[in-house]
Each structure stands twice: as C-alpha cells, then as structure tokens.
Amino acid sequence: MNTLCTFFHAQLRYNLIMRAFITVLVLIFGFQSWTVADDISDFEIEGMSIGDSALDYLSKEEILKEIEKNKYMYRYTTDKFGEVYLYKKFEKYDYISFFVKTDDKKYIIYRISAMKDVTGDINKCYEMMDEISKELSQIDKNAKREEFTDDHPIDETGRSKSKTISFKIKSGDIAGIQCNYFEENLRKKNNWFDSLTVALQKKEVEEWLHGN
C-alpha cells in the first residue's frame, strides 16, 4: 500500500463499515489562515493541532469510551493507537477525529482530521484542494509531494473517483488532501456525500497503519 492510500486508510475502512463514506476533512479555502510553518504541529484545525491533548476537548471517560467503541476497525494491527471522534457543533467543519496512544495518560494527538460535505460541487472541491496544497507545501519546501486520481475502491463500476495529494516531510510526518466524488445514483442510494478531506499525521501513525 503506497503512502497516499495508507494515509487515508483509516477513513476508508470506517466508511465501508458504516456504509456512508464519511471522509474526514477540513475546509480551509476562504475560511482559515495558514502561514509558513516549520512543523506539521504548527497547523490548526478548528483551533486544534497535533501535539495537543485530547483531554482539552474530551474527558478521560469519553476518550476511553471512544477508543473501545472504535477499536474493532483496527483489529489488523496492534492497540498502540486508538481513534477518538469529537461530537460537537463546529464553526466550519462537519466532523473531526483524533488518533491517540492508548497507554498515554495525557492522550496527546498524533493525527487530526476533519470533514465537510461538498456534494454537488466537486469542481469547487478541486479548486479548494489546489489552494490547500499550496498552503501545505509551506510545511517543508523539500517535502515529497505525491498526487493521483483513481477509481474509488468502493464503486466497482469505476464511475466514482478519488483524488489525493500528500506531502511527506523529512521527519516522516504527512499532510494530505483528498476529494471524493460518487456517481449520483450510487450516492443517493447509499445516502453518501462527496467530500474534501485534509488530515495531519505523525510518522508513528503511518508506521502503525502499516503494521510496524
């Protein structure tokens, strides 16, 4: 599995199980200011960053409940990390999730991602993706940039598409963007929606998803 596929692997697995491909994104274009950064943790999503404690947003009991509820999605790997969903009304986004270490009493965030529905305007999604890509490239001028457009794996007809851009910096951390478009009849039948995704991820999560 290449870097791009692995980066969004967790979201894809969850969406297949839930039968509603809810990719997690942040809508930055036109709403949030990004500046030149030296580290992936310098960026924010709804005021939250990698390196923050999930305890700033949820109680210990809520975090443990989320980890337990979602661990079935990661049976193929170890229990080093757990996924935590933050359920609240956000200013700009529809959905946010974290990855934290299960044995970390501070529950430091190692991956953060957020989502917003962009159904009906996939071209706008691509415009946003290009703009966000320019901003994310400021993390590291020498970051390895990867991009591809492919048939969406959830649609055997090949009429649904997924476009992804990622930046892998020297530390091994990754910032990525993804636009997902579903064929209209398939989308309506399954109550899915088109989406733009942005996620920030530490190297340790990438290695964990690979089974290392």
Protein backbone atom coordinates (compact mmCIF):
# COMPACT_ATOMS: atom_id res chain seq x y z
CA MET A 1 0.00 0.00 0.00
CA ASN A 2 1.55 3.32 -1.01
CA THR A 3 1.83 6.41 1.17
CA LEU A 4 -1.33 8.06 -0.16
CA CYS A 5 -3.52 5.00 0.28
CA THR A 6 -2.19 4.35 3.78
CA PHE A 7 -2.68 7.94 4.80
CA PHE A 8 -6.43 7.75 4.22
CA HIS A 9 -6.72 4.04 5.05
CA ALA A 10 -8.42 4.56 8.40
CA GLN A 11 -11.18 6.72 6.95
CA LEU A 12 -11.84 4.30 4.10
CA ARG A 13 -12.20 1.33 6.43
CA TYR A 14 -14.62 3.22 8.68
CA ASN A 15 -16.70 4.39 5.74
CA LEU A 16 -17.05 0.90 4.30
CA ILE A 17 -18.26 -0.43 7.62
CA MET A 18 -20.73 2.39 8.18
CA ARG A 19 -22.00 2.29 4.56
CA ALA A 20 -21.72 6.05 4.37
CA PHE A 21 -18.33 7.13 3.12
CA ILE A 22 -17.68 9.89 5.64
CA THR A 23 -14.16 11.03 4.83
CA VAL A 24 -12.75 13.43 7.32
CA LEU A 25 -11.69 16.85 6.11
CA VAL A 26 -11.03 20.43 6.92
CA LEU A 27 -12.33 23.21 4.69
CA ILE A 28 -9.58 25.79 4.63
CA PHE A 29 -10.00 27.65 1.37
CA GLY A 30 -11.58 31.02 2.07
CA PHE A 31 -12.00 30.36 5.78
CA GLN A 32 -8.79 29.61 7.64
CA SER A 33 -5.42 31.33 7.50
CA TRP A 34 -2.34 29.12 7.02
CA THR A 35 1.15 30.52 7.33
CA VAL A 36 4.64 29.21 6.65
CA ALA A 37 5.39 26.54 9.24
CA ASP A 38 8.41 24.56 10.39
CA ASP A 39 6.48 21.57 11.66
CA ILE A 40 3.18 19.81 10.99
CA SER A 41 2.03 20.68 14.51
CA ASP A 42 2.10 24.39 13.59
CA PHE A 43 -1.15 23.95 11.65
CA GLU A 44 -4.59 24.02 13.25
CA ILE A 45 -7.99 22.53 12.52
CA GLU A 46 -10.77 24.27 14.45
CA GLY A 47 -8.06 25.54 16.81
CA MET A 48 -6.74 22.01 17.42
CA SER A 49 -3.26 20.75 16.50
CA ILE A 50 -1.14 17.64 16.58
CA GLY A 51 0.61 17.68 19.95
CA ASP A 52 -2.45 18.93 21.81
CA SER A 53 -4.04 16.75 24.45
CA ALA A 54 -7.40 15.21 23.64
CA LEU A 55 -8.20 15.91 27.29
CA ASP A 56 -8.57 19.56 26.27
CA TYR A 57 -11.68 18.57 24.31
CA LEU A 58 -13.00 15.41 25.97
CA SER A 59 -12.98 13.81 29.41
CA LYS A 60 -10.84 10.75 30.10
CA GLU A 61 -14.00 8.67 30.31
CA GLU A 62 -15.20 9.90 26.91
CA ILE A 63 -11.80 9.19 25.33
CA LEU A 64 -11.69 5.65 26.71
CA LYS A 65 -15.25 5.02 25.56
CA GLU A 66 -14.38 6.20 22.03
CA ILE A 67 -11.23 4.07 21.87
CA GLU A 68 -13.16 0.99 22.94
CA LYS A 69 -16.03 1.68 20.54
CA ASN A 70 -13.76 2.13 17.52
CA LYS A 71 -11.03 -0.44 18.10
CA TYR A 72 -12.83 -3.11 16.03
CA MET A 73 -11.85 -1.12 12.94
CA TYR A 74 -8.15 -1.72 13.65
CA ARG A 75 -8.07 -5.41 14.51
CA TYR A 76 -5.46 -5.99 11.80
CA THR A 77 -2.86 -4.06 13.82
CA THR A 78 -1.90 -3.53 17.47
CA ASP A 79 -3.73 -1.46 20.09
CA LYS A 80 -0.93 1.13 20.22
CA PHE A 81 -3.28 3.83 18.91
CA GLY A 82 -6.97 4.42 19.29
CA GLU A 83 -9.36 6.62 17.33
CA VAL A 84 -11.47 9.24 19.08
CA TYR A 85 -14.34 11.11 17.46
CA LEU A 86 -15.26 14.54 18.71
CA TYR A 87 -19.01 15.12 18.55
CA LYS A 88 -19.91 18.77 18.72
CA LYS A 89 -21.05 21.60 16.51
CA PHE A 90 -18.03 23.09 14.79
CA GLU A 91 -17.75 26.54 13.32
CA LYS A 92 -16.57 25.43 9.88
CA TYR A 93 -16.46 21.64 9.73
CA ASP A 94 -18.83 18.72 9.94
CA TYR A 95 -16.66 16.08 11.56
CA ILE A 96 -13.33 15.69 13.42
CA SER A 97 -11.37 12.71 14.73
CA PHE A 98 -8.08 12.14 16.59
CA PHE A 99 -5.60 9.31 16.97
CA VAL A 100 -4.05 8.98 20.44
CA LYS A 101 -1.85 6.39 22.12
CA THR A 102 -3.92 4.10 24.28
CA ASP A 103 -1.33 4.00 27.10
CA ASP A 104 -0.69 7.75 27.14
CA LYS A 105 -2.30 9.33 30.19
CA LYS A 106 -2.09 12.75 28.53
CA TYR A 107 -3.72 11.45 25.33
CA ILE A 108 -1.54 13.52 23.01
CA ILE A 109 -2.97 13.81 19.48
CA TYR A 110 -0.85 12.14 16.76
CA ARG A 111 -3.34 12.52 13.92
CA ILE A 112 -6.13 15.02 13.39
CA SER A 113 -8.60 15.19 10.52
CA ALA A 114 -11.88 16.92 9.79
CA MET A 115 -14.73 16.78 7.23
CA LYS A 116 -17.24 18.89 5.36
CA ASP A 117 -19.84 17.84 2.79
CA VAL A 118 -19.15 19.26 -0.70
CA THR A 119 -21.84 17.35 -2.59
CA GLY A 120 -22.90 18.99 -5.83
CA ASP A 121 -19.74 20.99 -6.48
CA ILE A 122 -16.80 18.64 -6.99
CA ASN A 123 -15.04 21.21 -9.18
CA LYS A 124 -15.07 23.58 -6.22
CA CYS A 125 -13.58 20.76 -4.18
CA TYR A 126 -10.70 20.53 -6.66
CA GLU A 127 -10.20 24.28 -6.50
CA MET A 128 -10.03 24.08 -2.71
CA MET A 129 -7.63 21.16 -2.95
CA ASP A 130 -5.25 23.15 -5.14
CA GLU A 131 -5.35 26.12 -2.78
CA ILE A 132 -4.80 23.97 0.30
CA SER A 133 -1.99 22.15 -1.47
CA LYS A 134 -0.16 25.45 -1.95
CA GLU A 135 -0.50 26.19 1.76
CA LEU A 136 0.52 22.72 2.94
CA SER A 137 3.62 22.86 0.75
CA GLN A 138 4.90 25.54 3.15
CA ILE A 139 5.40 22.93 5.87
CA ASP A 140 8.64 21.86 4.22
CA LYS A 141 9.89 23.20 0.88
CA ASN A 142 11.60 19.85 0.30
CA ALA A 143 8.60 17.71 1.22
CA LYS A 144 7.88 14.78 -1.09
CA ARG A 145 4.66 15.59 -2.94
CA GLU A 146 2.54 12.76 -4.34
CA GLU A 147 -0.69 13.03 -6.34
CA PHE A 148 -3.01 10.67 -8.15
CA THR A 149 -6.60 10.31 -9.29
CA ASP A 150 -8.10 6.84 -9.27
CA ASP A 151 -11.39 4.97 -9.43
CA HIS A 152 -12.92 4.97 -5.97
CA PRO A 153 -12.46 1.48 -4.45
CA ILE A 154 -15.99 1.48 -3.05
CA ASP A 155 -17.56 1.68 -6.55
CA GLU A 156 -16.93 -1.33 -8.78
CA THR A 157 -18.35 0.49 -11.83
CA GLY A 158 -15.41 2.92 -11.90
CA ARG A 159 -17.73 5.93 -12.12
CA SER A 160 -16.79 7.27 -8.69
CA LYS A 161 -13.42 8.97 -8.34
CA SER A 162 -10.93 9.81 -5.64
CA LYS A 163 -8.16 12.40 -6.00
CA THR A 164 -5.42 12.65 -3.41
CA ILE A 165 -2.43 14.90 -2.73
CA SER A 166 0.00 14.32 0.12
CA PHE A 167 3.18 15.90 1.45
CA LYS A 168 5.67 13.73 3.30
CA ILE A 169 8.26 15.79 5.13
CA LYS A 170 11.76 14.77 6.21
CA SER A 171 10.56 13.69 9.65
CA GLY A 172 8.17 11.22 8.04
CA ASP A 173 5.07 13.19 9.07
CA ILE A 174 2.37 13.60 6.44
CA ALA A 175 -0.20 16.22 5.47
CA GLY A 176 -2.77 15.13 2.92
CA ILE A 177 -5.82 16.28 0.98
CA GLN A 178 -8.46 14.16 -0.73
CA CYS A 179 -11.53 14.86 -2.88
CA ASN A 180 -14.07 12.06 -3.26
CA TYR A 181 -16.77 12.08 -5.92
CA PHE A 182 -19.53 9.45 -6.10
CA GLU A 183 -21.67 8.60 -9.09
CA GLU A 184 -25.01 10.31 -8.43
CA ASN A 185 -27.29 7.26 -8.33
CA LEU A 186 -24.87 5.37 -6.10
CA ARG A 187 -24.53 8.36 -3.79
CA LYS A 188 -28.28 8.83 -3.42
CA LYS A 189 -28.97 5.10 -2.99
CA ASN A 190 -26.49 4.82 -0.12
CA ASN A 191 -27.01 8.29 1.35
CA TRP A 192 -23.35 9.16 0.81
CA PHE A 193 -21.88 12.56 0.02
CA ASP A 194 -18.97 13.99 -1.92
CA SER A 195 -16.22 15.27 0.33
CA LEU A 196 -12.97 17.14 0.67
CA THR A 197 -10.51 15.73 3.20
CA VAL A 198 -7.46 17.19 4.91
CA ALA A 199 -5.54 15.27 7.58
CA LEU A 200 -2.33 15.83 9.54
CA GLN A 201 -0.46 12.75 10.73
CA LYS A 202 2.70 11.91 12.65
CA LYS A 203 5.13 9.29 11.34
CA GLU A 204 4.28 6.89 14.17
CA VAL A 205 0.68 6.59 12.98
CA GLU A 206 1.85 5.87 9.42
CA GLU A 207 4.09 3.08 10.72
CA TRP A 208 1.30 1.70 12.91
CA LEU A 209 -1.15 1.58 10.00
CA HIS A 210 1.49 -0.39 8.07
CA GLY A 211 1.71 -2.84 10.97
CA ASN A 212 5.21 -1.82 12.05
